[in-house]
PDB file of N, CA and C in Angstrom:
ATOM      1  N   MET A   1     -21.596 -12.637  -4.121  1.00  0.00           N
ATOM      2  CA  MET A   1     -20.069 -11.894  -4.424  1.00  0.00           C
ATOM      3  C   MET A   1     -20.646 -10.546  -5.122  1.00  0.00           C
ATOM      4  N   THR A   2     -21.707 -10.325  -5.909  1.00  0.00           N
ATOM      5  CA  THR A   2     -21.925  -9.016  -6.407  1.00  0.00           C
ATOM      6  C   THR A   2     -22.503  -7.881  -5.596  1.00  0.00           C
ATOM      7  N   ASN A   3     -22.717  -8.525  -4.481  1.00  0.00           N
ATOM      8  CA  ASN A   3     -22.927  -7.440  -3.634  1.00  0.00           C
ATOM      9  C   ASN A   3     -21.436  -6.528  -2.474  1.00  0.00           C
ATOM     10  N   VAL A   4     -20.743  -7.441  -2.323  1.00  0.00           N
ATOM     11  CA  VAL A   4     -19.402  -7.411  -2.206  1.00  0.00           C
ATOM     12  C   VAL A   4     -19.032  -5.741  -3.343  1.00  0.00           C
ATOM     13  N   PHE A   5     -18.755  -6.217  -4.616  1.00  0.00           N
ATOM     14  CA  PHE A   5     -18.457  -5.148  -5.857  1.00  0.00           C
ATOM     15  C   PHE A   5     -19.412  -4.224  -5.742  1.00  0.00           C
ATOM     16  N   ASP A   6     -20.650  -4.375  -5.018  1.00  0.00           N
ATOM     17  CA  ASP A   6     -22.169  -3.198  -4.991  1.00  0.00           C
ATOM     18  C   ASP A   6     -21.355  -2.404  -4.190  1.00  0.00           C
ATOM     19  N   GLU A   7     -20.802  -3.010  -2.836  1.00  0.00           N
ATOM     20  CA  GLU A   7     -20.636  -2.492  -1.866  1.00  0.00           C
ATOM     21  C   GLU A   7     -19.671  -1.667  -1.922  1.00  0.00           C
ATOM     22  N   LEU A   8     -18.657  -1.906  -2.135  1.00  0.00           N
ATOM     23  CA  LEU A   8     -17.296  -1.020  -3.052  1.00  0.00           C
ATOM     24  C   LEU A   8     -17.833  -0.101  -4.183  1.00  0.00           C
ATOM     25  N   LEU A   9     -18.451  -0.725  -4.935  1.00  0.00           N
ATOM     26  CA  LEU A   9     -18.789   0.669  -5.933  1.00  0.00           C
ATOM     27  C   LEU A   9     -19.669   1.899  -5.364  1.00  0.00           C
ATOM     28  N   ASN A  10     -20.258   1.587  -4.250  1.00  0.00           N
ATOM     29  CA  ASN A  10     -21.220   2.729  -3.853  1.00  0.00           C
ATOM     30  C   ASN A  10     -20.306   3.926  -2.659  1.00  0.00           C
ATOM     31  N   ARG A  11     -19.510   3.078  -2.359  1.00  0.00           N
ATOM     32  CA  ARG A  11     -18.532   3.601  -1.480  1.00  0.00           C
ATOM     33  C   ARG A  11     -17.617   4.470  -2.352  1.00  0.00           C
ATOM     34  N   ALA A  12     -17.283   4.346  -3.825  1.00  0.00           N
ATOM     35  CA  ALA A  12     -16.863   5.140  -4.634  1.00  0.00           C
ATOM     36  C   ALA A  12     -17.186   7.253  -4.577  1.00  0.00           C
ATOM     37  N   GLN A  13     -16.369   7.249  -4.823  1.00  0.00           N
ATOM     38  CA  GLN A  13     -16.832   9.082  -5.012  1.00  0.00           C
ATOM     39  C   GLN A  13     -17.325   9.302  -6.173  1.00  0.00           C
ATOM     40  N   PRO A  14     -18.524  10.175  -6.609  1.00  0.00           N
ATOM     41  CA  PRO A  14     -18.999  10.035  -8.164  1.00  0.00           C
ATOM     42  C   PRO A  14     -18.176  10.330  -9.242  1.00  0.00           C
ATOM     43  N   LYS A  15     -16.996  11.089  -8.839  1.00  0.00           N
ATOM     44  CA  LYS A  15     -16.262  11.737  -9.887  1.00  0.00           C
ATOM     45  C   LYS A  15     -15.168  10.332 -10.231  1.00  0.00           C
ATOM     46  N   ARG A  16     -14.682   9.950  -8.523  1.00  0.00           N
ATOM     47  CA  ARG A  16     -13.650   8.781  -9.217  1.00  0.00           C
ATOM     48  C   ARG A  16     -14.668   8.252 -10.326  1.00  0.00           C
ATOM     49  N   ALA A  17     -16.096   7.288  -9.733  1.00  0.00           N
ATOM     50  CA  ALA A  17     -16.446   6.314 -10.339  1.00  0.00           C
ATOM     51  C   ALA A  17     -16.711   6.603 -11.998  1.00  0.00           C
ATOM     52  N   PHE A  18     -16.601   8.002 -12.228  1.00  0.00           N
ATOM     53  CA  PHE A  18     -16.985   8.002 -13.511  1.00  0.00           C
ATOM     54  C   PHE A  18     -15.500   8.310 -14.596  1.00  0.00           C
ATOM     55  N   ARG A  19     -14.491   8.469 -13.887  1.00  0.00           N
ATOM     56  CA  ARG A  19     -13.328   8.440 -14.350  1.00  0.00           C
ATOM     57  C   ARG A  19     -12.954   6.847 -14.817  1.00  0.00           C
ATOM     58  N   ALA A  20     -13.317   6.356 -14.090  1.00  0.00           N
ATOM     59  CA  ALA A  20     -13.263   4.468 -13.807  1.00  0.00           C
ATOM     60  C   ALA A  20     -13.788   4.040 -14.885  1.00  0.00           C
ATOM     61  N   ALA A  21     -14.451   4.654 -15.776  1.00  0.00           N
ATOM     62  CA  ALA A  21     -15.405   3.764 -16.985  1.00  0.00           C
ATOM     63  C   ALA A  21     -14.524   4.297 -17.687  1.00  0.00           C
ATOM     64  N   SER A  22     -13.206   5.103 -17.787  1.00  0.00           N
ATOM     65  CA  SER A  22     -12.594   5.765 -19.214  1.00  0.00           C
ATOM     66  C   SER A  22     -11.191   4.397 -18.941  1.00  0.00           C
ATOM     67  N   ARG A  23     -11.029   3.808 -17.933  1.00  0.00           N
ATOM     68  CA  ARG A  23      -9.624   3.556 -17.168  1.00  0.00           C
ATOM     69  C   ARG A  23     -10.030   1.445 -17.086  1.00  0.00           C
ATOM     70  N   PRO A  24      -9.512   0.827 -18.724  1.00  0.00           N
ATOM     71  CA  PRO A  24     -10.195  -0.553 -18.385  1.00  0.00           C
ATOM     72  C   PRO A  24      -9.528  -0.976 -17.924  1.00  0.00           C
ATOM     73  N   ILE A  25      -9.473  -2.017 -17.281  1.00  0.00           N
ATOM     74  CA  ILE A  25      -8.594  -3.635 -16.571  1.00  0.00           C
ATOM     75  C   ILE A  25      -8.637  -4.213 -17.764  1.00  0.00           C
ATOM     76  N   GLN A  26      -6.822  -4.519 -17.535  1.00  0.00           N
ATOM     77  CA  GLN A  26      -6.574  -6.190 -18.495  1.00  0.00           C
ATOM     78  C   GLN A  26      -5.918  -7.163 -17.423  1.00  0.00           C
ATOM     79  N   ASN A  27      -5.763  -8.406 -18.210  1.00  0.00           N
ATOM     80  CA  ASN A  27      -5.029  -9.210 -17.576  1.00  0.00           C
ATOM     81  C   ASN A  27      -5.657  -9.513 -16.152  1.00  0.00           C
ATOM     82  N   VAL A  28      -7.138  -9.764 -15.810  1.00  0.00           N
ATOM     83  CA  VAL A  28      -7.648 -10.163 -14.713  1.00  0.00           C
ATOM     84  C   VAL A  28      -7.628 -11.630 -14.306  1.00  0.00           C
ATOM     85  N   ASN A  29      -7.250 -11.623 -13.220  1.00  0.00           N
ATOM     86  CA  ASN A  29      -6.852 -12.834 -12.505  1.00  0.00           C
ATOM     87  C   ASN A  29      -7.878 -12.776 -11.195  1.00  0.00           C
ATOM     88  N   TRP A  30      -7.570 -14.362 -10.748  1.00  0.00           N
ATOM     89  CA  TRP A  30      -8.403 -14.590  -9.312  1.00  0.00           C
ATOM     90  C   TRP A  30      -7.659 -15.994  -8.876  1.00  0.00           C
ATOM     91  N   ASN A  31      -7.311 -15.532  -7.456  1.00  0.00           N
ATOM     92  CA  ASN A  31      -6.519 -16.453  -6.764  1.00  0.00           C
ATOM     93  C   ASN A  31      -7.541 -17.206  -5.828  1.00  0.00           C
ATOM     94  N   PRO A  32      -7.946 -18.637  -5.958  1.00  0.00           N
ATOM     95  CA  PRO A  32      -8.622 -19.210  -5.417  1.00  0.00           C
ATOM     96  C   PRO A  32      -8.651 -19.303  -3.651  1.00  0.00           C
ATOM     97  N   ASN A  33      -7.364 -19.373  -3.822  1.00  0.00           N
ATOM     98  CA  ASN A  33      -6.378 -19.761  -2.435  1.00  0.00           C
ATOM     99  C   ASN A  33      -6.251 -18.589  -1.656  1.00  0.00           C
ATOM    100  N   THR A  34      -6.342 -17.563  -1.855  1.00  0.00           N
ATOM    101  CA  THR A  34      -6.103 -16.265  -0.954  1.00  0.00           C
ATOM    102  C   THR A  34      -7.127 -15.212  -1.454  1.00  0.00           C
ATOM    103  N   GLY A  35      -8.282 -15.755  -2.337  1.00  0.00           N
ATOM    104  CA  GLY A  35      -9.533 -14.656  -2.775  1.00  0.00           C
ATOM    105  C   GLY A  35      -9.199 -13.447  -3.321  1.00  0.00           C
ATOM    106  N   LYS A  36      -8.071 -13.330  -4.001  1.00  0.00           N
ATOM    107  CA  LYS A  36      -7.434 -11.701  -4.345  1.00  0.00           C
ATOM    108  C   LYS A  36      -7.724 -11.896  -6.100  1.00  0.00           C
ATOM    109  N   TYR A  37      -8.367 -10.607  -6.193  1.00  0.00           N
ATOM    110  CA  TYR A  37      -8.676 -10.582  -7.702  1.00  0.00           C
ATOM    111  C   TYR A  37      -7.756  -9.291  -8.234  1.00  0.00           C
ATOM    112  N   THR A  38      -6.961  -9.502  -9.257  1.00  0.00           N
ATOM    113  CA  THR A  38      -6.035  -8.497  -9.365  1.00  0.00           C
ATOM    114  C   THR A  38      -6.169  -8.638 -11.119  1.00  0.00           C
ATOM    115  N   GLY A  39      -5.733  -7.211 -11.597  1.00  0.00           N
ATOM    116  CA  GLY A  39      -5.588  -6.873 -12.876  1.00  0.00           C
ATOM    117  C   GLY A  39      -4.676  -5.618 -13.076  1.00  0.00           C
ATOM    118  N   THR A  40      -4.573  -5.594 -14.512  1.00  0.00           N
ATOM    119  CA  THR A  40      -3.729  -4.416 -14.614  1.00  0.00           C
ATOM    120  C   THR A  40      -4.084  -3.265 -15.353  1.00  0.00           C
ATOM    121  N   CYS A  41      -3.931  -1.848 -14.918  1.00  0.00           N
ATOM    122  CA  CYS A  41      -4.855  -0.805 -16.016  1.00  0.00           C
ATOM    123  C   CYS A  41      -3.210   0.134 -16.476  1.00  0.00           C
ATOM    124  N   GLU A  42      -3.668   0.455 -17.307  1.00  0.00           N
ATOM    125  CA  GLU A  42      -2.697   1.270 -18.311  1.00  0.00           C
ATOM    126  C   GLU A  42      -2.729   3.070 -17.747  1.00  0.00           C
ATOM    127  N   SER A  43      -1.296   3.525 -17.687  1.00  0.00           N
ATOM    128  CA  SER A  43      -1.440   4.833 -17.309  1.00  0.00           C
ATOM    129  C   SER A  43      -1.684   5.611 -18.800  1.00  0.00           C
ATOM    130  N   ALA A  44      -2.040   6.453 -18.086  1.00  0.00           N
ATOM    131  CA  ALA A  44      -2.332   7.946 -19.549  1.00  0.00           C
ATOM    132  C   ALA A  44      -0.647   8.085 -19.688  1.00  0.00           C
ATOM    133  N   LYS A  45       0.363   7.882 -18.970  1.00  0.00           N
ATOM    134  CA  LYS A  45       1.438   7.694 -19.262  1.00  0.00           C
ATOM    135  C   LYS A  45       2.147   6.517 -20.063  1.00  0.00           C
ATOM    136  N   GLU A  46       2.921   6.763 -20.968  1.00  0.00           N
ATOM    137  CA  GLU A  46       3.536   5.391 -21.258  1.00  0.00           C
ATOM    138  C   GLU A  46       4.090   4.947 -20.719  1.00  0.00           C
ATOM    139  N   GLY A  47       3.945   3.302 -20.645  1.00  0.00           N
ATOM    140  CA  GLY A  47       5.124   2.576 -19.610  1.00  0.00           C
ATOM    141  C   GLY A  47       4.761   2.389 -18.313  1.00  0.00           C
ATOM    142  N   VAL A  48       3.422   3.339 -18.024  1.00  0.00           N
ATOM    143  CA  VAL A  48       3.276   2.918 -16.592  1.00  0.00           C
ATOM    144  C   VAL A  48       2.112   2.298 -16.349  1.00  0.00           C
ATOM    145  N   SER A  49       1.841   1.493 -15.813  1.00  0.00           N
ATOM    146  CA  SER A  49       0.923   0.634 -15.268  1.00  0.00           C
ATOM    147  C   SER A  49       0.436   0.622 -13.875  1.00  0.00           C
ATOM    148  N   TRP A  50      -0.506   0.442 -13.496  1.00  0.00           N
ATOM    149  CA  TRP A  50      -1.362   0.413 -11.997  1.00  0.00           C
ATOM    150  C   TRP A  50      -1.743  -0.987 -12.090  1.00  0.00           C
ATOM    151  N   HIS A  51      -1.738  -1.222 -10.686  1.00  0.00           N
ATOM    152  CA  HIS A  51      -2.360  -3.281 -10.459  1.00  0.00           C
ATOM    153  C   HIS A  51      -3.204  -2.756  -9.384  1.00  0.00           C
ATOM    154  N   PRO A  52      -4.477  -2.755  -9.358  1.00  0.00           N
ATOM    155  CA  PRO A  52      -5.319  -2.757  -8.552  1.00  0.00           C
ATOM    156  C   PRO A  52      -5.576  -4.567  -8.172  1.00  0.00           C
ATOM    157  N   SER A  53      -6.117  -4.426  -6.683  1.00  0.00           N
ATOM    158  CA  SER A  53      -6.533  -5.661  -6.111  1.00  0.00           C
ATOM    159  C   SER A  53      -7.837  -5.606  -5.148  1.00  0.00           C
ATOM    160  N   ILE A  54      -8.567  -6.623  -5.672  1.00  0.00           N
ATOM    161  CA  ILE A  54     -10.184  -6.707  -4.396  1.00  0.00           C
ATOM    162  C   ILE A  54      -9.387  -7.923  -3.957  1.00  0.00           C
ATOM    163  N   THR A  55      -9.495  -8.552  -2.951  1.00  0.00           N
ATOM    164  CA  THR A  55      -9.501  -9.701  -1.680  1.00  0.00           C
ATOM    165  C   THR A  55     -10.608  -9.664  -0.807  1.00  0.00           C
ATOM    166  N   ILE A  56     -11.364 -10.803  -0.989  1.00  0.00           N
ATOM    167  CA  ILE A  56     -12.431 -11.582  -0.767  1.00  0.00           C
ATOM    168  C   ILE A  56     -12.452 -12.587   0.186  1.00  0.00           C
ATOM    169  N   THR A  57     -12.487 -12.408   1.755  1.00  0.00           N
ATOM    170  CA  THR A  57     -12.200 -13.670   2.408  1.00  0.00           C
ATOM    171  C   THR A  57     -13.636 -13.351   3.337  1.00  0.00           C
ATOM    172  N   ASP A  58     -13.877 -14.871   3.834  1.00  0.00           N
ATOM    173  CA  ASP A  58     -14.403 -15.460   4.586  1.00  0.00           C
ATOM    174  C   ASP A  58     -14.713 -14.237   5.682  1.00  0.00           C
ATOM    175  N   THR A  59     -13.774 -12.982   6.025  1.00  0.00           N
ATOM    176  CA  THR A  59     -13.620 -12.383   7.089  1.00  0.00           C
ATOM    177  C   THR A  59     -14.403 -10.874   6.729  1.00  0.00           C
ATOM    178  N   GLY A  60     -14.043 -11.159   5.480  1.00  0.00           N
ATOM    179  CA  GLY A  60     -14.246  -9.147   4.891  1.00  0.00           C
ATOM    180  C   GLY A  60     -13.628  -9.412   3.531  1.00  0.00           C
ATOM    181  N   ARG A  61     -13.274  -7.608   3.351  1.00  0.00           N
ATOM    182  CA  ARG A  61     -13.001  -7.679   1.872  1.00  0.00           C
ATOM    183  C   ARG A  61     -11.865  -6.894   2.256  1.00  0.00           C
ATOM    184  N   SER A  62     -10.619  -6.417   1.294  1.00  0.00           N
ATOM    185  CA  SER A  62      -9.945  -5.169   1.264  1.00  0.00           C
ATOM    186  C   SER A  62      -9.373  -4.928  -0.340  1.00  0.00           C
ATOM    187  N   PHE A  63      -9.146  -3.792  -0.616  1.00  0.00           N
ATOM    188  CA  PHE A  63      -8.755  -3.528  -1.493  1.00  0.00           C
ATOM    189  C   PHE A  63      -7.294  -2.771  -1.473  1.00  0.00           C
ATOM    190  N   TYR A  64      -6.787  -2.582  -2.804  1.00  0.00           N
ATOM    191  CA  TYR A  64      -5.456  -1.744  -2.767  1.00  0.00           C
ATOM    192  C   TYR A  64      -5.079  -1.423  -4.508  1.00  0.00           C
ATOM    193  N   CYS A  65      -4.140  -0.895  -4.532  1.00  0.00           N
ATOM    194  CA  CYS A  65      -3.894  -0.204  -5.959  1.00  0.00           C
ATOM    195  C   CYS A  65      -2.356   0.495  -5.625  1.00  0.00           C
ATOM    196  N   ASN A  66      -1.579   0.090  -6.659  1.00  0.00           N
ATOM    197  CA  ASN A  66      -0.061   0.729  -5.939  1.00  0.00           C
ATOM    198  C   ASN A  66      -0.155   1.756  -6.690  1.00  0.00           C
ATOM    199  N   CYS A  67      -1.232   2.893  -7.279  1.00  0.00           N
ATOM    200  CA  CYS A  67      -0.803   4.447  -7.623  1.00  0.00           C
ATOM    201  C   CYS A  67      -0.936   5.071  -6.259  1.00  0.00           C
ATOM    202  N   PRO A  68      -0.267   6.321  -6.943  1.00  0.00           N
ATOM    203  CA  PRO A  68       0.132   7.512  -5.569  1.00  0.00           C
ATOM    204  C   PRO A  68      -1.698   8.159  -5.380  1.00  0.00           C
ATOM    205  N   ASP A  69      -2.771   7.853  -6.133  1.00  0.00           N
ATOM    206  CA  ASP A  69      -3.763   8.230  -5.673  1.00  0.00           C
ATOM    207  C   ASP A  69      -4.006   7.506  -4.357  1.00  0.00           C
ATOM    208  N   HIS A  70      -4.223   6.236  -4.665  1.00  0.00           N
ATOM    209  CA  HIS A  70      -4.592   5.414  -3.487  1.00  0.00           C
ATOM    210  C   HIS A  70      -3.939   5.046  -1.846  1.00  0.00           C
ATOM    211  N   ILE A  71      -2.458   5.567  -2.458  1.00  0.00           N
ATOM    212  CA  ILE A  71      -1.099   5.646  -1.579  1.00  0.00           C
ATOM    213  C   ILE A  71      -1.820   6.946  -0.668  1.00  0.00           C
ATOM    214  N   LYS A  72      -2.308   7.852  -1.164  1.00  0.00           N
ATOM    215  CA  LYS A  72      -1.999   8.899  -0.268  1.00  0.00           C
ATOM    216  C   LYS A  72      -3.559   9.124   0.301  1.00  0.00           C
ATOM    217  N   ASN A  73      -4.948   8.324  -0.532  1.00  0.00           N
ATOM    218  CA  ASN A  73      -6.263   8.956  -0.284  1.00  0.00           C
ATOM    219  C   ASN A  73      -7.089   7.850   0.153  1.00  0.00           C
ATOM    220  N   ALA A  74      -7.053   6.672  -0.108  1.00  0.00           N
ATOM    221  CA  ALA A  74      -7.521   5.959   0.085  1.00  0.00           C
ATOM    222  C   ALA A  74      -8.384   5.628   1.336  1.00  0.00           C
ATOM    223  N   ARG A  75      -7.704   5.771   2.666  1.00  0.00           N
ATOM    224  CA  ARG A  75      -8.625   5.854   3.900  1.00  0.00           C
ATOM    225  C   ARG A  75      -9.402   6.989   3.833  1.00  0.00           C
ATOM    226  N   THR A  76      -9.040   8.074   3.625  1.00  0.00           N
ATOM    227  CA  THR A  76      -9.969   9.369   3.530  1.00  0.00           C
ATOM    228  C   THR A  76     -11.492   9.260   2.631  1.00  0.00           C
ATOM    229  N   PHE A  77     -11.003   9.160   1.301  1.00  0.00           N
ATOM    230  CA  PHE A  77     -11.921   9.033  -0.273  1.00  0.00           C
ATOM    231  C   PHE A  77     -12.267   7.581  -0.626  1.00  0.00           C
ATOM    232  N   GLY A  78     -11.874   6.810  -0.082  1.00  0.00           N
ATOM    233  CA  GLY A  78     -11.963   5.282  -0.451  1.00  0.00           C
ATOM    234  C   GLY A  78     -11.128   4.935  -1.669  1.00  0.00           C
ATOM    235  N   PRO A  79     -11.842   4.173  -2.417  1.00  0.00           N
ATOM    236  CA  PRO A  79     -10.915   3.545  -3.357  1.00  0.00           C
ATOM    237  C   PRO A  79     -10.807   4.322  -4.909  1.00  0.00           C
ATOM    238  N   CYS A  80      -9.665   4.308  -5.279  1.00  0.00           N
ATOM    239  CA  CYS A  80      -9.307   4.768  -6.618  1.00  0.00           C
ATOM    240  C   CYS A  80      -9.862   4.269  -7.905  1.00  0.00           C
ATOM    241  N   LYS A  81      -9.820   4.924  -8.615  1.00  0.00           N
ATOM    242  CA  LYS A  81     -10.315   4.586  -9.945  1.00  0.00           C
ATOM    243  C   LYS A  81      -9.916   3.171 -10.552  1.00  0.00           C
ATOM    244  N   HIS A  82      -8.524   3.025 -10.323  1.00  0.00           N
ATOM    245  CA  HIS A  82      -8.533   1.449 -10.665  1.00  0.00           C
ATOM    246  C   HIS A  82      -9.129   0.610 -10.168  1.00  0.00           C
ATOM    247  N   VAL A  83      -8.996   0.760  -8.818  1.00  0.00           N
ATOM    248  CA  VAL A  83      -9.899  -0.601  -7.911  1.00  0.00           C
ATOM    249  C   VAL A  83     -11.316  -0.187  -8.333  1.00  0.00           C
ATOM    250  N   ILE A  84     -12.121   0.890  -8.355  1.00  0.00           N
ATOM    251  CA  ILE A  84     -13.338   0.959  -9.039  1.00  0.00           C
ATOM    252  C   ILE A  84     -13.430   0.118 -10.540  1.00  0.00           C
ATOM    253  N   SER A  85     -12.723   0.104 -11.154  1.00  0.00           N
ATOM    254  CA  SER A  85     -12.630  -0.074 -12.245  1.00  0.00           C
ATOM    255  C   SER A  85     -12.593  -1.661 -12.533  1.00  0.00           C
ATOM    256  N   LEU A  86     -11.808  -2.075 -11.598  1.00  0.00           N
ATOM    257  CA  LEU A  86     -11.462  -4.001 -11.432  1.00  0.00           C
ATOM    258  C   LEU A  86     -12.747  -4.364 -10.910  1.00  0.00           C
ATOM    259  N   ALA A  87     -13.594  -3.322  -9.998  1.00  0.00           N
ATOM    260  CA  ALA A  87     -14.924  -4.066  -9.776  1.00  0.00           C
ATOM    261  C   ALA A  87     -15.990  -3.869 -10.640  1.00  0.00           C
ATOM    262  N   MET A  88     -15.997  -2.873 -11.277  1.00  0.00           N
ATOM    263  CA  MET A  88     -16.812  -2.275 -12.464  1.00  0.00           C
ATOM    264  C   MET A  88     -16.763  -4.233 -13.479  1.00  0.00           C
ATOM    265  N   THR A  89     -15.445  -4.537 -13.699  1.00  0.00           N
ATOM    266  CA  THR A  89     -14.856  -5.267 -14.684  1.00  0.00           C
ATOM    267  C   THR A  89     -15.448  -6.106 -14.158  1.00  0.00           C
ATOM    268  N   LEU A  90     -15.450  -6.660 -12.767  1.00  0.00           N
ATOM    269  CA  LEU A  90     -15.593  -8.502 -12.167  1.00  0.00           C
ATOM    270  C   LEU A  90     -17.176  -8.257 -11.550  1.00  0.00           C
ATOM    271  N   LYS A  91     -17.567  -7.228 -11.866  1.00  0.00           N
ATOM    272  CA  LYS A  91     -19.438  -7.204 -11.671  1.00  0.00           C
ATOM    273  C   LYS A  91     -19.768  -7.877 -12.950  1.00  0.00           C
ATOM    274  N   GLY A  92     -19.645  -7.313 -14.089  1.00  0.00           N
ATOM    275  CA  GLY A  92     -19.738  -7.708 -15.404  1.00  0.00           C
ATOM    276  C   GLY A  92     -20.757  -6.134 -15.820  1.00  0.00           C
TER     277      GLY A  92
END
């Protein structure tokens, strides 16, 4: 399982990985039926939360976050800092 998180972290841009360290993930959950890990990351803006997820199944893995950076840039630049922070948290 750690290899999946390592692969995701290796795909991250260095500046995003650096910024992810300051974005702690709270309320980490795992759904064994779907293989989905979820968490909550509080934004610098008061009252705004982002919700990253990493799904791991027999056929592969995927990641998602509802933040604007992920929605706009994930296909080009890889995971946002919130997904990276979730992977760091899960890796331990």
